[in-house]
Amino acid sequence: MSNKVETNKAPKAIGPYSQAVVVGNLIFTSGQISLNPETGVLLGNDIKEQTHRVCQNLKAVLEVCGSSLENTVKTVCYLSDMTNFSEFNEVYAQYFTQKPARSCVAVKELPKGALVEVDVVAEKE
């Protein structure tokens, strides 16, 4: 059995999906982009600003599930431009200090013109 998660501390889903789903001891988040949780407006003009907001949104979703970024076991990162890879990594490393498994791919474009999207799989605390 799974439980769908919704919190107003992270942006509402912009499509027919949940912010996260909890199955047993695992949390599967939907991809987060750098939306303001209150307004749904894209925040940040560069990859670093957007990556900070994405990580803050993920943190909020995990906290409502009874977990944290430290319990992340896997991330999938989507960049709209691989030339942003180094700057993305600088910010990402500040949040994911335990170095979970990760995939990082370039995509043609992301919703709302975002530069980065990240989803995670984490364990409950």
PDB file of N, CA and C in Angstrom:
ATOM      1  N   MET A   1       0.839  -1.182   0.000  1.00  0.00           N
ATOM      2  CA  MET A   1       0.000   0.000   0.000  1.00  0.00           C
ATOM      3  C   MET A   1       0.881   1.242   0.000  1.00  0.00           C
ATOM      4  N   SER A   2       0.452   2.270  -0.706  1.00  0.00           N
ATOM      5  CA  SER A   2       1.207   3.511  -0.767  1.00  0.00           C
ATOM      6  C   SER A   2       0.377   4.666  -0.233  1.00  0.00           C
ATOM      7  N   ASN A   3       1.082   5.676   0.257  1.00  0.00           N
ATOM      8  CA  ASN A   3       0.445   6.892   0.755  1.00  0.00           C
ATOM      9  C   ASN A   3       0.932   8.067  -0.072  1.00  0.00           C
ATOM     10  N   LYS A   4       0.004   8.849  -0.585  1.00  0.00           N
ATOM     11  CA  LYS A   4       0.357  10.034  -1.343  1.00  0.00           C
ATOM     12  C   LYS A   4       0.610  11.185  -0.382  1.00  0.00           C
ATOM     13  N   VAL A   5       1.571  12.040  -0.725  1.00  0.00           N
ATOM     14  CA  VAL A   5       1.983  13.125   0.160  1.00  0.00           C
ATOM     15  C   VAL A   5       1.686  14.470  -0.494  1.00  0.00           C
ATOM     16  N   GLU A   6       1.203  15.385   0.332  1.00  0.00           N
ATOM     17  CA  GLU A   6       0.992  16.754  -0.135  1.00  0.00           C
ATOM     18  C   GLU A   6       1.305  17.707   1.008  1.00  0.00           C
ATOM     19  N   THR A   7       2.105  18.728   0.711  1.00  0.00           N
ATOM     20  CA  THR A   7       2.417  19.765   1.696  1.00  0.00           C
ATOM     21  C   THR A   7       2.408  21.120   1.013  1.00  0.00           C
ATOM     22  N   ASN A   8       1.988  22.137   1.745  1.00  0.00           N
ATOM     23  CA  ASN A   8       2.033  23.491   1.193  1.00  0.00           C
ATOM     24  C   ASN A   8       3.403  24.140   1.390  1.00  0.00           C
ATOM     25  N   LYS A   9       4.353  23.402   1.962  1.00  0.00           N
ATOM     26  CA  LYS A   9       5.714  23.910   2.138  1.00  0.00           C
ATOM     27  C   LYS A   9       6.567  23.692   0.890  1.00  0.00           C
ATOM     28  N   ALA A  10       5.989  23.006  -0.097  1.00  0.00           N
ATOM     29  CA  ALA A  10       6.630  22.802  -1.398  1.00  0.00           C
ATOM     30  C   ALA A  10       5.584  23.146  -2.462  1.00  0.00           C
ATOM     31  N   PRO A  11       6.026  23.415  -3.675  1.00  0.00           N
ATOM     32  CA  PRO A  11       5.066  23.773  -4.723  1.00  0.00           C
ATOM     33  C   PRO A  11       4.043  22.663  -4.985  1.00  0.00           C
ATOM     34  N   LYS A  12       2.830  23.069  -5.252  1.00  0.00           N
ATOM     35  CA  LYS A  12       1.798  22.105  -5.623  1.00  0.00           C
ATOM     36  C   LYS A  12       2.184  21.460  -6.953  1.00  0.00           C
ATOM     37  N   ALA A  13       1.734  20.240  -7.151  1.00  0.00           N
ATOM     38  CA  ALA A  13       1.971  19.556  -8.417  1.00  0.00           C
ATOM     39  C   ALA A  13       1.343  20.373  -9.550  1.00  0.00           C
ATOM     40  N   ILE A  14       2.053  20.476 -10.661  1.00  0.00           N
ATOM     41  CA  ILE A  14       1.528  21.232 -11.804  1.00  0.00           C
ATOM     42  C   ILE A  14       0.909  20.308 -12.850  1.00  0.00           C
ATOM     43  N   GLY A  15       0.679  19.079 -12.454  1.00  0.00           N
ATOM     44  CA  GLY A  15       0.058  18.094 -13.325  1.00  0.00           C
ATOM     45  C   GLY A  15      -0.625  17.030 -12.491  1.00  0.00           C
ATOM     46  N   PRO A  16      -1.067  15.965 -13.123  1.00  0.00           N
ATOM     47  CA  PRO A  16      -1.791  14.902 -12.407  1.00  0.00           C
ATOM     48  C   PRO A  16      -0.837  13.923 -11.708  1.00  0.00           C
ATOM     49  N   TYR A  17      -0.182  14.397 -10.653  1.00  0.00           N
ATOM     50  CA  TYR A  17       0.751  13.558  -9.888  1.00  0.00           C
ATOM     51  C   TYR A  17       0.836  14.067  -8.462  1.00  0.00           C
ATOM     52  N   SER A  18       1.458  13.286  -7.597  1.00  0.00           N
ATOM     53  CA  SER A  18       1.638  13.641  -6.187  1.00  0.00           C
ATOM     54  C   SER A  18       3.028  14.221  -5.972  1.00  0.00           C
ATOM     55  N   GLN A  19       3.194  15.020  -4.932  1.00  0.00           N
ATOM     56  CA  GLN A  19       4.523  15.539  -4.589  1.00  0.00           C
ATOM     57  C   GLN A  19       5.456  14.398  -4.223  1.00  0.00           C
ATOM     58  N   ALA A  20       4.906  13.374  -3.593  1.00  0.00           N
ATOM     59  CA  ALA A  20       5.688  12.187  -3.232  1.00  0.00           C
ATOM     60  C   ALA A  20       4.722  11.047  -2.929  1.00  0.00           C
ATOM     61  N   VAL A  21       5.280   9.847  -2.956  1.00  0.00           N
ATOM     62  CA  VAL A  21       4.536   8.655  -2.577  1.00  0.00           C
ATOM     63  C   VAL A  21       5.422   7.873  -1.617  1.00  0.00           C
ATOM     64  N   VAL A  22       4.826   7.439  -0.513  1.00  0.00           N
ATOM     65  CA  VAL A  22       5.551   6.639   0.470  1.00  0.00           C
ATOM     66  C   VAL A  22       5.080   5.193   0.337  1.00  0.00           C
ATOM     67  N   VAL A  23       6.054   4.292   0.165  1.00  0.00           N
ATOM     68  CA  VAL A  23       5.773   2.867   0.082  1.00  0.00           C
ATOM     69  C   VAL A  23       6.676   2.184   1.100  1.00  0.00           C
ATOM     70  N   GLY A  24       6.065   1.641   2.140  1.00  0.00           N
ATOM     71  CA  GLY A  24       6.861   1.027   3.198  1.00  0.00           C
ATOM     72  C   GLY A  24       7.782   2.053   3.822  1.00  0.00           C
ATOM     73  N   ASN A  25       9.076   1.779   3.782  1.00  0.00           N
ATOM     74  CA  ASN A  25      10.076   2.668   4.374  1.00  0.00           C
ATOM     75  C   ASN A  25      10.718   3.604   3.346  1.00  0.00           C
ATOM     76  N   LEU A  26      10.210   3.577   2.105  1.00  0.00           N
ATOM     77  CA  LEU A  26      10.810   4.391   1.044  1.00  0.00           C
ATOM     78  C   LEU A  26       9.903   5.533   0.612  1.00  0.00           C
ATOM     79  N   ILE A  27      10.532   6.644   0.287  1.00  0.00           N
ATOM     80  CA  ILE A  27       9.839   7.833  -0.201  1.00  0.00           C
ATOM     81  C   ILE A  27      10.324   8.098  -1.620  1.00  0.00           C
ATOM     82  N   PHE A  28       9.385   8.235  -2.538  1.00  0.00           N
ATOM     83  CA  PHE A  28       9.680   8.543  -3.929  1.00  0.00           C
ATOM     84  C   PHE A  28       9.105   9.930  -4.221  1.00  0.00           C
ATOM     85  N   THR A  29       9.966  10.913  -4.429  1.00  0.00           N
ATOM     86  CA  THR A  29       9.457  12.252  -4.713  1.00  0.00           C
ATOM     87  C   THR A  29       9.265  12.424  -6.211  1.00  0.00           C
ATOM     88  N   SER A  30       8.342  13.287  -6.546  1.00  0.00           N
ATOM     89  CA  SER A  30       8.244  13.730  -7.929  1.00  0.00           C
ATOM     90  C   SER A  30       9.355  14.738  -8.159  1.00  0.00           C
ATOM     91  N   GLY A  31       9.662  14.986  -9.406  1.00  0.00           N
ATOM     92  CA  GLY A  31      10.694  15.965  -9.716  1.00  0.00           C
ATOM     93  C   GLY A  31      10.292  17.345  -9.230  1.00  0.00           C
ATOM     94  N   GLN A  32      11.257  18.053  -8.672  1.00  0.00           N
ATOM     95  CA  GLN A  32      11.032  19.422  -8.215  1.00  0.00           C
ATOM     96  C   GLN A  32      11.810  20.381  -9.115  1.00  0.00           C
ATOM     97  N   ILE A  33      11.140  21.462  -9.493  1.00  0.00           N
ATOM     98  CA  ILE A  33      11.809  22.565 -10.161  1.00  0.00           C
ATOM     99  C   ILE A  33      11.776  23.745  -9.204  1.00  0.00           C
ATOM    100  N   SER A  34      12.340  24.852  -9.590  1.00  0.00           N
ATOM    101  CA  SER A  34      12.531  25.957  -8.642  1.00  0.00           C
ATOM    102  C   SER A  34      11.308  26.866  -8.528  1.00  0.00           C
ATOM    103  N   LEU A  35      10.168  26.271  -8.225  1.00  0.00           N
ATOM    104  CA  LEU A  35       8.945  27.046  -8.039  1.00  0.00           C
ATOM    105  C   LEU A  35       8.834  27.544  -6.612  1.00  0.00           C
ATOM    106  N   ASN A  36       8.310  28.744  -6.476  1.00  0.00           N
ATOM    107  CA  ASN A  36       7.981  29.292  -5.168  1.00  0.00           C
ATOM    108  C   ASN A  36       6.793  28.495  -4.628  1.00  0.00           C
ATOM    109  N   PRO A  37       6.889  27.945  -3.419  1.00  0.00           N
ATOM    110  CA  PRO A  37       5.795  27.138  -2.867  1.00  0.00           C
ATOM    111  C   PRO A  37       4.482  27.900  -2.716  1.00  0.00           C
ATOM    112  N   GLU A  38       4.556  29.205  -2.511  1.00  0.00           N
ATOM    113  CA  GLU A  38       3.345  29.998  -2.285  1.00  0.00           C
ATOM    114  C   GLU A  38       2.693  30.466  -3.574  1.00  0.00           C
ATOM    115  N   THR A  39       3.509  30.850  -4.555  1.00  0.00           N
ATOM    116  CA  THR A  39       2.956  31.453  -5.772  1.00  0.00           C
ATOM    117  C   THR A  39       3.003  30.547  -6.995  1.00  0.00           C
ATOM    118  N   GLY A  40       3.841  29.526  -6.957  1.00  0.00           N
ATOM    119  CA  GLY A  40       3.992  28.675  -8.130  1.00  0.00           C
ATOM    120  C   GLY A  40       4.799  29.310  -9.244  1.00  0.00           C
ATOM    121  N   VAL A  41       5.441  30.445  -8.950  1.00  0.00           N
ATOM    122  CA  VAL A  41       6.247  31.161  -9.941  1.00  0.00           C
ATOM    123  C   VAL A  41       7.677  30.628  -9.902  1.00  0.00           C
ATOM    124  N   LEU A  42       8.286  30.481 -11.072  1.00  0.00           N
ATOM    125  CA  LEU A  42       9.670  30.032 -11.172  1.00  0.00           C
ATOM    126  C   LEU A  42      10.594  31.062 -10.541  1.00  0.00           C
ATOM    127  N   LEU A  43      11.485  30.604  -9.667  1.00  0.00           N
ATOM    128  CA  LEU A  43      12.432  31.478  -8.980  1.00  0.00           C
ATOM    129  C   LEU A  43      13.846  31.217  -9.472  1.00  0.00           C
ATOM    130  N   GLY A  44      14.646  32.254  -9.536  1.00  0.00           N
ATOM    131  CA  GLY A  44      16.058  32.122  -9.877  1.00  0.00           C
ATOM    132  C   GLY A  44      16.306  32.311 -11.357  1.00  0.00           C
ATOM    133  N   ASN A  45      17.352  33.080 -11.642  1.00  0.00           N
ATOM    134  CA  ASN A  45      17.705  33.367 -13.028  1.00  0.00           C
ATOM    135  C   ASN A  45      18.868  32.535 -13.531  1.00  0.00           C
ATOM    136  N   ASP A  46      19.532  31.819 -12.619  1.00  0.00           N
ATOM    137  CA  ASP A  46      20.677  31.015 -13.049  1.00  0.00           C
ATOM    138  C   ASP A  46      20.616  29.641 -12.381  1.00  0.00           C
ATOM    139  N   ILE A  47      21.496  28.773 -12.806  1.00  0.00           N
ATOM    140  CA  ILE A  47      21.475  27.384 -12.349  1.00  0.00           C
ATOM    141  C   ILE A  47      21.700  27.269 -10.841  1.00  0.00           C
ATOM    142  N   LYS A  48      22.568  28.106 -10.287  1.00  0.00           N
ATOM    143  CA  LYS A  48      22.829  28.020  -8.848  1.00  0.00           C
ATOM    144  C   LYS A  48      21.597  28.403  -8.036  1.00  0.00           C
ATOM    145  N   GLU A  49      20.981  29.513  -8.372  1.00  0.00           N
ATOM    146  CA  GLU A  49      19.775  29.941  -7.653  1.00  0.00           C
ATOM    147  C   GLU A  49      18.679  28.889  -7.769  1.00  0.00           C
ATOM    148  N   GLN A  50      18.485  28.368  -8.971  1.00  0.00           N
ATOM    149  CA  GLN A  50      17.431  27.381  -9.169  1.00  0.00           C
ATOM    150  C   GLN A  50      17.733  26.078  -8.431  1.00  0.00           C
ATOM    151  N   THR A  51      18.988  25.674  -8.402  1.00  0.00           N
ATOM    152  CA  THR A  51      19.348  24.442  -7.703  1.00  0.00           C
ATOM    153  C   THR A  51      19.105  24.577  -6.200  1.00  0.00           C
ATOM    154  N   HIS A  52      19.428  25.725  -5.624  1.00  0.00           N
ATOM    155  CA  HIS A  52      19.133  25.957  -4.199  1.00  0.00           C
ATOM    156  C   HIS A  52      17.635  25.786  -3.940  1.00  0.00           C
ATOM    157  N   ARG A  53      16.785  26.391  -4.765  1.00  0.00           N
ATOM    158  CA  ARG A  53      15.332  26.319  -4.556  1.00  0.00           C
ATOM    159  C   ARG A  53      14.848  24.885  -4.730  1.00  0.00           C
ATOM    160  N   VAL A  54      15.351  24.172  -5.730  1.00  0.00           N
ATOM    161  CA  VAL A  54      14.968  22.776  -5.942  1.00  0.00           C
ATOM    162  C   VAL A  54      15.282  21.951  -4.693  1.00  0.00           C
ATOM    163  N   CYS A  55      16.472  22.116  -4.157  1.00  0.00           N
ATOM    164  CA  CYS A  55      16.872  21.350  -2.971  1.00  0.00           C
ATOM    165  C   CYS A  55      16.036  21.724  -1.756  1.00  0.00           C
ATOM    166  N   GLN A  56      15.676  22.987  -1.621  1.00  0.00           N
ATOM    167  CA  GLN A  56      14.814  23.408  -0.513  1.00  0.00           C
ATOM    168  C   GLN A  56      13.422  22.803  -0.662  1.00  0.00           C
ATOM    169  N   ASN A  57      12.923  22.740  -1.893  1.00  0.00           N
ATOM    170  CA  ASN A  57      11.615  22.119  -2.128  1.00  0.00           C
ATOM    171  C   ASN A  57      11.651  20.628  -1.801  1.00  0.00           C
ATOM    172  N   LEU A  58      12.713  19.948  -2.217  1.00  0.00           N
ATOM    173  CA  LEU A  58      12.847  18.526  -1.904  1.00  0.00           C
ATOM    174  C   LEU A  58      12.934  18.299  -0.403  1.00  0.00           C
ATOM    175  N   LYS A  59      13.686  19.144   0.269  1.00  0.00           N
ATOM    176  CA  LYS A  59      13.823  19.045   1.726  1.00  0.00           C
ATOM    177  C   LYS A  59      12.450  19.145   2.396  1.00  0.00           C
ATOM    178  N   ALA A  60      11.624  20.080   1.941  1.00  0.00           N
ATOM    179  CA  ALA A  60      10.288  20.274   2.524  1.00  0.00           C
ATOM    180  C   ALA A  60       9.414  19.041   2.312  1.00  0.00           C
ATOM    181  N   VAL A  61       9.463  18.450   1.139  1.00  0.00           N
ATOM    182  CA  VAL A  61       8.668  17.254   0.858  1.00  0.00           C
ATOM    183  C   VAL A  61       9.137  16.099   1.733  1.00  0.00           C
ATOM    184  N   LEU A  62      10.440  15.904   1.822  1.00  0.00           N
ATOM    185  CA  LEU A  62      10.960  14.797   2.639  1.00  0.00           C
ATOM    186  C   LEU A  62      10.627  14.980   4.117  1.00  0.00           C
ATOM    187  N   GLU A  63      10.695  16.207   4.604  1.00  0.00           N
ATOM    188  CA  GLU A  63      10.394  16.451   6.025  1.00  0.00           C
ATOM    189  C   GLU A  63       8.968  16.075   6.365  1.00  0.00           C
ATOM    190  N   VAL A  64       8.006  16.400   5.508  1.00  0.00           N
ATOM    191  CA  VAL A  64       6.618  16.052   5.791  1.00  0.00           C
ATOM    192  C   VAL A  64       6.418  14.530   5.754  1.00  0.00           C
ATOM    193  N   CYS A  65       7.324  13.831   5.097  1.00  0.00           N
ATOM    194  CA  CYS A  65       7.274  12.363   5.041  1.00  0.00           C
ATOM    195  C   CYS A  65       8.017  11.714   6.202  1.00  0.00           C
ATOM    196  N   GLY A  66       8.628  12.521   7.063  1.00  0.00           N
ATOM    197  CA  GLY A  66       9.382  11.971   8.176  1.00  0.00           C
ATOM    198  C   GLY A  66      10.789  11.578   7.795  1.00  0.00           C
ATOM    199  N   SER A  67      11.395  12.340   6.889  1.00  0.00           N
ATOM    200  CA  SER A  67      12.742  12.035   6.449  1.00  0.00           C
ATOM    201  C   SER A  67      13.517  13.329   6.222  1.00  0.00           C
ATOM    202  N   SER A  68      14.657  13.208   5.551  1.00  0.00           N
ATOM    203  CA  SER A  68      15.502  14.367   5.277  1.00  0.00           C
ATOM    204  C   SER A  68      16.382  14.076   4.073  1.00  0.00           C
ATOM    205  N   LEU A  69      17.046  15.099   3.596  1.00  0.00           N
ATOM    206  CA  LEU A  69      17.970  14.917   2.475  1.00  0.00           C
ATOM    207  C   LEU A  69      19.075  13.921   2.816  1.00  0.00           C
ATOM    208  N   GLU A  70      19.461  13.851   4.080  1.00  0.00           N
ATOM    209  CA  GLU A  70      20.522  12.941   4.509  1.00  0.00           C
ATOM    210  C   GLU A  70      20.150  11.477   4.314  1.00  0.00           C
ATOM    211  N   ASN A  71      18.864  11.188   4.228  1.00  0.00           N
ATOM    212  CA  ASN A  71      18.398   9.811   4.046  1.00  0.00           C
ATOM    213  C   ASN A  71      18.161   9.458   2.582  1.00  0.00           C
ATOM    214  N   THR A  72      18.569  10.339   1.687  1.00  0.00           N
ATOM    215  CA  THR A  72      18.406  10.087   0.256  1.00  0.00           C
ATOM    216  C   THR A  72      19.355   8.978  -0.185  1.00  0.00           C
ATOM    217  N   VAL A  73      18.816   8.017  -0.937  1.00  0.00           N
ATOM    218  CA  VAL A  73      19.648   6.924  -1.446  1.00  0.00           C
ATOM    219  C   VAL A  73      19.895   7.048  -2.944  1.00  0.00           C
ATOM    220  N   LYS A  74      19.053   7.808  -3.657  1.00  0.00           N
ATOM    221  CA  LYS A  74      19.193   7.938  -5.108  1.00  0.00           C
ATOM    222  C   LYS A  74      18.570   9.241  -5.564  1.00  0.00           C
ATOM    223  N   THR A  75      19.251   9.930  -6.468  1.00  0.00           N
ATOM    224  CA  THR A  75      18.683  11.117  -7.104  1.00  0.00           C
ATOM    225  C   THR A  75      18.743  10.947  -8.614  1.00  0.00           C
ATOM    226  N   VAL A  76      17.813  11.590  -9.282  1.00  0.00           N
ATOM    227  CA  VAL A  76      17.871  11.721 -10.734  1.00  0.00           C
ATOM    228  C   VAL A  76      17.796  13.215 -11.018  1.00  0.00           C
ATOM    229  N   CYS A  77      18.794  13.709 -11.733  1.00  0.00           N
ATOM    230  CA  CYS A  77      18.932  15.141 -11.994  1.00  0.00           C
ATOM    231  C   CYS A  77      18.806  15.384 -13.492  1.00  0.00           C
ATOM    232  N   TYR A  78      18.009  16.381 -13.835  1.00  0.00           N
ATOM    233  CA  TYR A  78      17.775  16.735 -15.227  1.00  0.00           C
ATOM    234  C   TYR A  78      18.246  18.171 -15.435  1.00  0.00           C
ATOM    235  N   LEU A  79      19.149  18.373 -16.364  1.00  0.00           N
ATOM    236  CA  LEU A  79      19.653  19.712 -16.673  1.00  0.00           C
ATOM    237  C   LEU A  79      19.235  20.074 -18.091  1.00  0.00           C
ATOM    238  N   SER A  80      18.795  21.307 -18.274  1.00  0.00           N
ATOM    239  CA  SER A  80      18.412  21.742 -19.619  1.00  0.00           C
ATOM    240  C   SER A  80      19.642  22.060 -20.467  1.00  0.00           C
ATOM    241  N   ASP A  81      20.806  22.176 -19.812  1.00  0.00           N
ATOM    242  CA  ASP A  81      22.044  22.482 -20.534  1.00  0.00           C
ATOM    243  C   ASP A  81      23.221  21.909 -19.739  1.00  0.00           C
ATOM    244  N   MET A  82      23.929  20.960 -20.305  1.00  0.00           N
ATOM    245  CA  MET A  82      25.020  20.293 -19.605  1.00  0.00           C
ATOM    246  C   MET A  82      26.203  21.231 -19.341  1.00  0.00           C
ATOM    247  N   THR A  83      26.232  22.397 -19.939  1.00  0.00           N
ATOM    248  CA  THR A  83      27.301  23.350 -19.595  1.00  0.00           C
ATOM    249  C   THR A  83      27.124  23.870 -18.173  1.00  0.00           C
ATOM    250  N   ASN A  84      25.949  23.648 -17.589  1.00  0.00           N
ATOM    251  CA  ASN A  84      25.686  24.044 -16.195  1.00  0.00           C
ATOM    252  C   ASN A  84      26.090  22.976 -15.189  1.00  0.00           C
ATOM    253  N   PHE A  85      26.666  21.869 -15.648  1.00  0.00           N
ATOM    254  CA  PHE A  85      26.964  20.715 -14.802  1.00  0.00           C
ATOM    255  C   PHE A  85      27.842  21.076 -13.596  1.00  0.00           C
ATOM    256  N   SER A  86      28.920  21.799 -13.803  1.00  0.00           N
ATOM    257  CA  SER A  86      29.839  22.142 -12.701  1.00  0.00           C
ATOM    258  C   SER A  86      29.170  23.030 -11.668  1.00  0.00           C
ATOM    259  N   GLU A  87      28.476  24.059 -12.126  1.00  0.00           N
ATOM    260  CA  GLU A  87      27.803  24.962 -11.179  1.00  0.00           C
ATOM    261  C   GLU A  87      26.679  24.235 -10.440  1.00  0.00           C
ATOM    262  N   PHE A  88      25.967  23.377 -11.139  1.00  0.00           N
ATOM    263  CA  PHE A  88      24.937  22.564 -10.493  1.00  0.00           C
ATOM    264  C   PHE A  88      25.557  21.716  -9.385  1.00  0.00           C
ATOM    265  N   ASN A  89      26.666  21.049  -9.697  1.00  0.00           N
ATOM    266  CA  ASN A  89      27.335  20.195  -8.721  1.00  0.00           C
ATOM    267  C   ASN A  89      27.786  20.963  -7.479  1.00  0.00           C
ATOM    268  N   GLU A  90      28.242  22.196  -7.648  1.00  0.00           N
ATOM    269  CA  GLU A  90      28.671  23.016  -6.500  1.00  0.00           C
ATOM    270  C   GLU A  90      27.544  23.156  -5.483  1.00  0.00           C
ATOM    271  N   VAL A  91      26.358  23.451  -5.961  1.00  0.00           N
ATOM    272  CA  VAL A  91      25.222  23.640  -5.056  1.00  0.00           C
ATOM    273  C   VAL A  91      24.692  22.295  -4.571  1.00  0.00           C
ATOM    274  N   TYR A  92      24.534  21.348  -5.457  1.00  0.00           N
ATOM    275  CA  TYR A  92      24.037  20.011  -5.113  1.00  0.00           C
ATOM    276  C   TYR A  92      24.851  19.414  -3.966  1.00  0.00           C
ATOM    277  N   ALA A  93      26.167  19.550  -4.024  1.00  0.00           N
ATOM    278  CA  ALA A  93      27.060  18.965  -3.008  1.00  0.00           C
ATOM    279  C   ALA A  93      26.826  19.569  -1.619  1.00  0.00           C
ATOM    280  N   GLN A  94      26.306  20.773  -1.544  1.00  0.00           N
ATOM    281  CA  GLN A  94      26.010  21.406  -0.252  1.00  0.00           C
ATOM    282  C   GLN A  94      24.818  20.737   0.433  1.00  0.00           C
ATOM    283  N   TYR A  95      23.920  20.165  -0.330  1.00  0.00           N
ATOM    284  CA  TYR A  95      22.696  19.563   0.203  1.00  0.00           C
ATOM    285  C   TYR A  95      22.811  18.043   0.350  1.00  0.00           C
ATOM    286  N   PHE A  96      23.490  17.390  -0.573  1.00  0.00           N
ATOM    287  CA  PHE A  96      23.597  15.938  -0.569  1.00  0.00           C
ATOM    288  C   PHE A  96      25.016  15.536  -0.170  1.00  0.00           C
ATOM    289  N   THR A  97      25.346  15.822   1.073  1.00  0.00           N
ATOM    290  CA  THR A  97      26.709  15.614   1.568  1.00  0.00           C
ATOM    291  C   THR A  97      27.063  14.134   1.718  1.00  0.00           C
ATOM    292  N   GLN A  98      26.074  13.262   1.832  1.00  0.00           N
ATOM    293  CA  GLN A  98      26.325  11.831   1.994  1.00  0.00           C
ATOM    294  C   GLN A  98      26.549  11.140   0.650  1.00  0.00           C
ATOM    295  N   LYS A  99      26.452  11.875  -0.451  1.00  0.00           N
ATOM    296  CA  LYS A  99      26.715  11.378  -1.810  1.00  0.00           C
ATOM    297  C   LYS A  99      25.882  10.140  -2.166  1.00  0.00           C
ATOM    298  N   PRO A 100      24.558  10.324  -2.329  1.00  0.00           N
ATOM    299  CA  PRO A 100      23.722   9.198  -2.741  1.00  0.00           C
ATOM    300  C   PRO A 100      24.040   8.795  -4.185  1.00  0.00           C
ATOM    301  N   ALA A 101      23.548   7.628  -4.588  1.00  0.00           N
ATOM    302  CA  ALA A 101      23.650   7.246  -5.999  1.00  0.00           C
ATOM    303  C   ALA A 101      22.927   8.307  -6.823  1.00  0.00           C
ATOM    304  N   ARG A 102      23.397   8.517  -8.065  1.00  0.00           N
ATOM    305  CA  ARG A 102      22.818   9.601  -8.847  1.00  0.00           C
ATOM    306  C   ARG A 102      22.919   9.326 -10.337  1.00  0.00           C
ATOM    307  N   SER A 103      21.916   9.782 -11.046  1.00  0.00           N
ATOM    308  CA  SER A 103      21.955   9.880 -12.498  1.00  0.00           C
ATOM    309  C   SER A 103      21.766  11.354 -12.829  1.00  0.00           C
ATOM    310  N   CYS A 104      22.449  11.824 -13.862  1.00  0.00           N
ATOM    311  CA  CYS A 104      22.301  13.214 -14.282  1.00  0.00           C
ATOM    312  C   CYS A 104      22.294  13.241 -15.805  1.00  0.00           C
ATOM    313  N   VAL A 105      21.224  13.756 -16.363  1.00  0.00           N
ATOM    314  CA  VAL A 105      21.072  13.765 -17.809  1.00  0.00           C
ATOM    315  C   VAL A 105      20.674  15.151 -18.301  1.00  0.00           C
ATOM    316  N   ALA A 106      21.008  15.413 -19.552  1.00  0.00           N
ATOM    317  CA  ALA A 106      20.562  16.636 -20.212  1.00  0.00           C
ATOM    318  C   ALA A 106      19.247  16.335 -20.922  1.00  0.00           C
ATOM    319  N   VAL A 107      18.335  17.267 -20.846  1.00  0.00           N
ATOM    320  CA  VAL A 107      17.045  17.135 -21.512  1.00  0.00           C
ATOM    321  C   VAL A 107      16.829  18.351 -22.403  1.00  0.00           C
ATOM    322  N   LYS A 108      15.959  18.211 -23.362  1.00  0.00           N
ATOM    323  CA  LYS A 108      15.712  19.307 -24.299  1.00  0.00           C
ATOM    324  C   LYS A 108      15.143  20.533 -23.586  1.00  0.00           C
ATOM    325  N   GLU A 109      14.169  20.299 -22.714  1.00  0.00           N
ATOM    326  CA  GLU A 109      13.599  21.388 -21.925  1.00  0.00           C
ATOM    327  C   GLU A 109      12.858  20.827 -20.733  1.00  0.00           C
ATOM    328  N   LEU A 110      12.603  21.708 -19.757  1.00  0.00           N
ATOM    329  CA  LEU A 110      11.904  21.339 -18.530  1.00  0.00           C
ATOM    330  C   LEU A 110      10.662  22.214 -18.376  1.00  0.00           C
ATOM    331  N   PRO A 111       9.704  21.787 -17.545  1.00  0.00           N
ATOM    332  CA  PRO A 111       8.490  22.583 -17.353  1.00  0.00           C
ATOM    333  C   PRO A 111       8.795  24.017 -16.916  1.00  0.00           C
ATOM    334  N   LYS A 112       7.991  24.927 -17.432  1.00  0.00           N
ATOM    335  CA  LYS A 112       8.050  26.348 -17.065  1.00  0.00           C
ATOM    336  C   LYS A 112       9.396  26.997 -17.381  1.00  0.00           C
ATOM    337  N   GLY A 113      10.194  26.384 -18.246  1.00  0.00           N
ATOM    338  CA  GLY A 113      11.488  26.953 -18.615  1.00  0.00           C
ATOM    339  C   GLY A 113      12.565  26.773 -17.563  1.00  0.00           C
ATOM    340  N   ALA A 114      12.359  25.856 -16.627  1.00  0.00           N
ATOM    341  CA  ALA A 114      13.352  25.617 -15.564  1.00  0.00           C
ATOM    342  C   ALA A 114      14.664  25.128 -16.155  1.00  0.00           C
ATOM    343  N   LEU A 115      15.744  25.381 -15.432  1.00  0.00           N
ATOM    344  CA  LEU A 115      17.074  24.946 -15.839  1.00  0.00           C
ATOM    345  C   LEU A 115      17.441  23.591 -15.241  1.00  0.00           C
ATOM    346  N   VAL A 116      16.762  23.202 -14.143  1.00  0.00           N
ATOM    347  CA  VAL A 116      17.102  21.974 -13.427  1.00  0.00           C
ATOM    348  C   VAL A 116      15.850  21.384 -12.783  1.00  0.00           C
ATOM    349  N   GLU A 117      15.825  20.058 -12.728  1.00  0.00           N
ATOM    350  CA  GLU A 117      14.788  19.323 -12.009  1.00  0.00           C
ATOM    351  C   GLU A 117      15.472  18.142 -11.336  1.00  0.00           C
ATOM    352  N   VAL A 118      15.050  17.835 -10.109  1.00  0.00           N
ATOM    353  CA  VAL A 118      15.640  16.720  -9.363  1.00  0.00           C
ATOM    354  C   VAL A 118      14.522  15.955  -8.662  1.00  0.00           C
ATOM    355  N   ASP A 119      14.611  14.633  -8.715  1.00  0.00           N
ATOM    356  CA  ASP A 119      13.739  13.801  -7.887  1.00  0.00           C
ATOM    357  C   ASP A 119      14.604  12.869  -7.053  1.00  0.00           C
ATOM    358  N   VAL A 120      14.059  12.405  -5.943  1.00  0.00           N
ATOM    359  CA  VAL A 120      14.844  11.558  -5.036  1.00  0.00           C
ATOM    360  C   VAL A 120      14.056  10.343  -4.564  1.00  0.00           C
ATOM    361  N   VAL A 121      14.812   9.340  -4.158  1.00  0.00           N
ATOM    362  CA  VAL A 121      14.306   8.214  -3.404  1.00  0.00           C
ATOM    363  C   VAL A 121      15.026   8.260  -2.071  1.00  0.00           C
ATOM    364  N   ALA A 122      14.274   8.253  -0.990  1.00  0.00           N
ATOM    365  CA  ALA A 122      14.870   8.356   0.347  1.00  0.00           C
ATOM    366  C   ALA A 122      14.219   7.350   1.280  1.00  0.00           C
ATOM    367  N   GLU A 123      14.929   7.044   2.348  1.00  0.00           N
ATOM    368  CA  GLU A 123      14.398   6.192   3.398  1.00  0.00           C
ATOM    369  C   GLU A 123      13.770   7.060   4.485  1.00  0.00           C
ATOM    370  N   LYS A 124      12.725   6.548   5.121  1.00  0.00           N
ATOM    371  CA  LYS A 124      12.147   7.243   6.263  1.00  0.00           C
ATOM    372  C   LYS A 124      13.124   7.124   7.435  1.00  0.00           C
ATOM    373  N   GLU A 125      13.108   8.096   8.329  1.00  0.00           N
ATOM    374  CA  GLU A 125      13.994   8.080   9.504  1.00  0.00           C
ATOM    375  C   GLU A 125      13.478   7.117  10.535  1.00  0.00           C
TER     376      GLU A 125
END
